[in-house]
Protein backbone atom coordinates (compact mmCIF):
# COMPACT_ATOMS: atom_id res chain seq x y z
CA MET A 1 -85.45 -62.89 256.99
CA ASN A 2 -88.03 -60.63 254.88
CA TYR A 3 -85.04 -59.90 252.27
CA ILE A 4 -84.81 -63.76 251.76
CA LEU A 5 -88.48 -64.30 251.70
CA THR A 6 -88.77 -61.64 249.07
CA LEU A 7 -85.66 -63.32 247.04
CA VAL A 8 -87.62 -66.85 247.31
CA PHE A 9 -90.80 -65.26 246.07
CA LEU A 10 -88.93 -63.80 243.08
CA ILE A 11 -87.49 -66.66 242.19
CA ILE A 12 -90.72 -68.77 242.29
CA CYS A 13 -92.63 -66.08 240.24
CA ASP A 14 -89.89 -65.79 237.60
CA GLU A 15 -90.22 -69.82 237.37
CA ILE A 16 -93.80 -69.79 236.90
CA SER A 17 -93.35 -66.62 234.37
CA ALA A 18 -90.98 -68.76 232.31
CA SER A 19 -92.99 -71.92 232.16
CA GLN A 20 -96.17 -70.20 231.40
CA LYS A 21 -94.15 -68.64 228.36
CA PHE A 22 -92.56 -71.59 227.14
CA PHE A 23 -95.76 -73.75 226.97
CA ASP A 24 -97.61 -70.45 225.11
CA TYR A 25 -95.12 -70.92 222.39
CA LEU A 26 -95.56 -74.52 222.41
CA ASN A 27 -99.52 -74.62 222.31
CA GLY A 28 -99.33 -72.09 219.27
CA ILE A 29 -97.42 -74.48 217.25
CA GLU A 30 -100.11 -77.11 215.65
CA SER A 31 -97.32 -78.46 213.17
CA LEU A 32 -93.98 -77.72 211.99
CA GLU A 33 -91.82 -78.04 209.15
CA ALA A 34 -88.08 -77.17 208.80
CA ASN A 35 -84.61 -78.22 207.79
CA PHE A 36 -82.23 -79.47 210.74
CA LEU A 37 -78.79 -79.82 211.31
CA GLN A 38 -77.89 -82.32 213.99
CA GLU A 39 -74.75 -82.77 215.94
CA ILE A 40 -73.24 -84.73 218.82
CA THR A 41 -70.52 -83.32 220.61
CA ASP A 42 -68.16 -84.38 223.66
CA GLN A 43 -67.61 -82.52 226.67
CA ASP A 44 -64.90 -80.04 225.37
CA GLY A 45 -67.41 -79.15 222.17
CA VAL A 46 -65.71 -81.23 219.90
CA VAL A 47 -67.98 -82.57 216.93
CA LEU A 48 -68.21 -86.17 217.00
CA GLU A 49 -70.95 -86.89 214.61
CA THR A 50 -72.83 -84.44 212.10
CA SER A 51 -76.02 -85.19 210.00
CA GLN A 52 -78.67 -83.18 208.12
CA GLY A 53 -82.10 -83.61 206.60
CA PHE A 54 -85.54 -82.39 206.98
CA LEU A 55 -88.42 -82.92 209.33
CA LYS A 56 -92.36 -82.63 209.68
CA ILE A 57 -94.23 -82.67 212.70
CA LYS A 58 -98.06 -82.22 213.86
CA LYS A 59 -99.70 -82.86 216.85
CA PRO A 60 -100.59 -85.12 218.25
CA ASN A 61 -97.60 -87.85 218.20
CA LYS A 62 -97.00 -87.86 214.27
CA TYR A 63 -93.53 -86.90 212.77
CA ARG A 64 -91.20 -87.75 209.79
CA TRP A 65 -87.26 -87.42 210.34
CA ALA A 66 -85.62 -87.65 206.64
CA TYR A 67 -81.61 -87.62 207.18
CA PHE A 68 -79.99 -87.33 203.88
CA SER A 69 -76.47 -86.86 205.21
CA PRO A 70 -74.02 -88.31 205.71
CA MET A 71 -76.68 -91.49 205.14
CA GLU A 72 -79.97 -92.01 204.25
CA GLN A 73 -82.60 -92.99 206.93
CA GLU A 74 -86.51 -92.03 207.46
CA ILE A 75 -87.86 -92.44 210.85
CA VAL A 76 -92.01 -91.95 210.58
CA SER A 77 -94.44 -91.92 213.29
CA ASN A 78 -98.59 -91.90 212.45
CA GLY A 79 -99.14 -91.66 216.30
CA ASP A 80 -99.58 -95.51 216.81
CA LYS A 81 -96.46 -96.99 214.54
CA ILE A 82 -92.98 -95.83 214.14
CA TRP A 83 -90.94 -97.18 210.65
CA ILE A 84 -87.37 -96.78 210.62
CA HIS A 85 -86.26 -97.11 206.99
CA ASP A 86 -83.02 -97.92 205.93
CA PRO A 87 -82.62 -97.70 202.28
CA GLU A 88 -78.73 -98.65 201.86
CA LEU A 89 -80.07 -102.06 203.81
CA GLU A 90 -83.32 -102.22 201.82
CA GLN A 91 -84.80 -102.60 205.13
CA VAL A 92 -87.43 -101.28 207.61
CA VAL A 93 -88.23 -101.74 211.12
CA VAL A 94 -91.62 -101.29 212.36
CA ARG A 95 -92.57 -100.69 216.19
CA ASP A 96 -95.34 -99.34 218.38
CA THR A 97 -94.76 -95.91 219.51
CA LEU A 98 -94.41 -96.78 223.08
CA ASP A 99 -91.58 -98.97 222.40
CA SER A 100 -89.49 -96.53 220.61
CA ASP A 101 -86.81 -94.32 221.83
CA PRO A 102 -88.00 -90.72 222.18
CA ASN A 103 -86.48 -87.63 220.66
CA MET A 104 -86.55 -84.81 222.71
CA LEU A 105 -88.07 -82.90 220.00
CA ASP A 106 -90.90 -84.87 219.70
CA PHE A 107 -91.00 -85.48 223.50
CA ILE A 108 -91.22 -81.39 223.45
CA PHE A 109 -94.48 -81.64 221.18
CA GLU A 110 -96.14 -84.65 222.14
CA ASP A 111 -97.62 -83.51 225.75
CA PRO A 112 -96.36 -80.04 227.41
CA ARG A 113 -98.06 -81.14 230.63
CA VAL A 114 -95.83 -84.06 230.79
CA ILE A 115 -92.76 -81.76 230.80
CA ALA A 116 -94.48 -79.64 233.54
CA LYS A 117 -94.36 -82.68 235.69
CA THR A 118 -90.66 -83.65 234.80
CA TYR A 119 -88.72 -80.84 234.42
CA SER A 120 -88.10 -77.52 235.99
CA ILE A 121 -88.26 -74.52 233.57
CA GLU A 122 -85.83 -71.86 233.94
CA PRO A 123 -85.48 -68.61 231.34
CA LEU A 124 -81.70 -67.72 230.37
CA LEU A 125 -80.60 -64.37 229.23
CA ASP A 126 -79.78 -63.55 225.55
CA GLU A 127 -78.54 -60.37 224.13
CA SER A 128 -81.33 -60.56 221.35
CA ASP A 129 -84.67 -59.49 222.01
CA SER A 130 -86.13 -61.79 219.26
CA VAL A 131 -84.17 -64.81 221.13
CA GLU A 132 -85.49 -66.64 224.18
CA LYS A 133 -83.73 -69.67 225.91
CA PHE A 134 -84.84 -72.12 228.57
CA LEU A 135 -82.90 -74.39 230.62
CA LEU A 136 -84.89 -77.97 231.61
CA THR A 137 -83.60 -79.41 234.39
CA HIS A 138 -84.96 -82.96 235.83
CA LEU A 139 -86.92 -83.15 238.75
CA LYS A 140 -85.35 -85.87 240.64
CA GLU A 141 -88.73 -87.21 242.38
CA ALA A 142 -89.80 -87.94 238.50
CA SER A 143 -88.40 -90.32 235.66
CA ALA A 144 -87.04 -88.23 232.76
CA ILE A 145 -85.95 -89.21 229.31
CA PHE A 146 -83.10 -86.66 229.94
CA GLU A 147 -81.22 -85.02 232.55
CA LYS A 148 -81.01 -81.65 230.92
CA ALA A 149 -82.09 -79.66 227.97
CA TYR A 150 -81.64 -75.99 226.62
CA VAL A 151 -84.42 -75.04 224.22
CA SER A 152 -84.16 -71.83 222.27
CA PHE A 153 -87.34 -69.86 220.27
CA TYR A 154 -86.63 -66.85 217.79
CA ASN A 155 -89.38 -65.00 217.24
CA ARG A 156 -91.76 -67.61 219.55
CA ILE A 157 -90.85 -70.49 217.27
CA ILE A 158 -88.42 -73.35 218.41
CA GLU A 159 -84.97 -72.93 217.03
CA GLU A 160 -82.85 -75.24 218.88
CA VAL A 161 -82.61 -78.09 221.28
CA HIS A 162 -79.62 -79.21 223.15
CA VAL A 163 -80.09 -82.24 225.04
CA ILE A 164 -77.44 -83.18 227.66
CA THR A 165 -76.96 -86.98 227.69
CA GLY A 166 -75.01 -89.50 229.59
CA ALA A 167 -71.40 -90.17 229.00
CA ASP A 168 -70.57 -86.63 228.73
CA ARG A 169 -72.34 -86.00 225.13
CA THR A 170 -74.76 -83.18 223.74
CA LEU A 171 -77.29 -83.70 221.16
CA LYS A 172 -77.78 -80.46 219.25
CA ILE A 173 -80.64 -79.90 217.08
CA ARG A 174 -80.91 -76.64 215.24
CA LEU A 175 -83.81 -76.02 212.82
CA LYS A 176 -83.54 -73.54 209.35
CA GLU A 177 -86.14 -72.31 207.16
CA VAL A 178 -88.85 -73.04 209.94
CA ARG A 179 -92.33 -73.08 208.27
CA LYS A 180 -94.91 -73.00 211.36
CA ASN A 181 -98.65 -74.18 211.29
CA THR A 182 -98.56 -75.60 207.52
CA GLU A 183 -101.08 -78.01 206.16
CA ILE A 184 -99.51 -81.65 206.14
CA ARG A 185 -101.12 -84.19 204.45
CA ALA A 186 -101.79 -87.52 206.83
CA GLN A 187 -100.03 -89.45 204.28
CA GLU A 188 -96.44 -87.95 205.05
CA PHE A 189 -96.89 -89.84 208.57
CA GLU A 190 -97.35 -93.14 206.75
CA PHE A 191 -94.67 -95.00 205.42
CA VAL A 192 -95.30 -97.81 202.35
CA PRO A 193 -92.60 -99.97 201.61
CA ASN A 194 -91.93 -100.95 198.30
CA LYS A 195 -91.51 -104.67 197.00
CA ASP A 196 -87.83 -104.39 197.52
CA THR A 197 -87.67 -103.48 201.13
CA ASP A 198 -87.38 -106.07 203.87
CA VAL A 199 -89.98 -105.53 206.59
CA VAL A 200 -88.71 -106.63 210.07
CA ARG A 201 -91.41 -106.31 212.90
CA VAL A 202 -90.83 -105.76 216.58
CA LEU A 203 -93.14 -107.40 218.88
CA THR A 204 -94.66 -105.35 221.79
CA HIS A 205 -93.32 -106.13 225.33
CA GLN A 206 -96.03 -107.58 227.52
């Protein structure tokens, strides 16, 4: 009986330690710039879709995702509005951020306290001393965006996010040339369409 209680205690302490370390790493990042590779794979690991681009994120709630391959697209948020720009269609859709479909990486940066109420956090072993991985698993009593996600840090800087979605799909975001806590102008999180771009405004649901 004492052995079981000790084991339970150690597991709880391990999870608390993992959570604290995970949030310490996130709290140390106020802004982030990086190139990224994004993949969608099936349950067998077969790559179904690949895209590349660069991103800029700044707390709170500001980000710019720019895709340049296989097609161009920009997703920009100033914290209140989100613009989804499709250069090929010469169209930009404008929505309130509350109505947008959140990306896991943006969600992690938005408010780590929400994660603590929504996911359990467990450390995963890795052979490298520089790489630390965490497993986020949905707590059944809370509503969640994703059921499960893997988050990796390299030298305390976020490096990869793997999100397990429905339909046996995994979204993988790998960051490259990461620059932490750089000065990013406020204009980077605004989108001004040119005169040839059609603007489609999505009304907020009441």
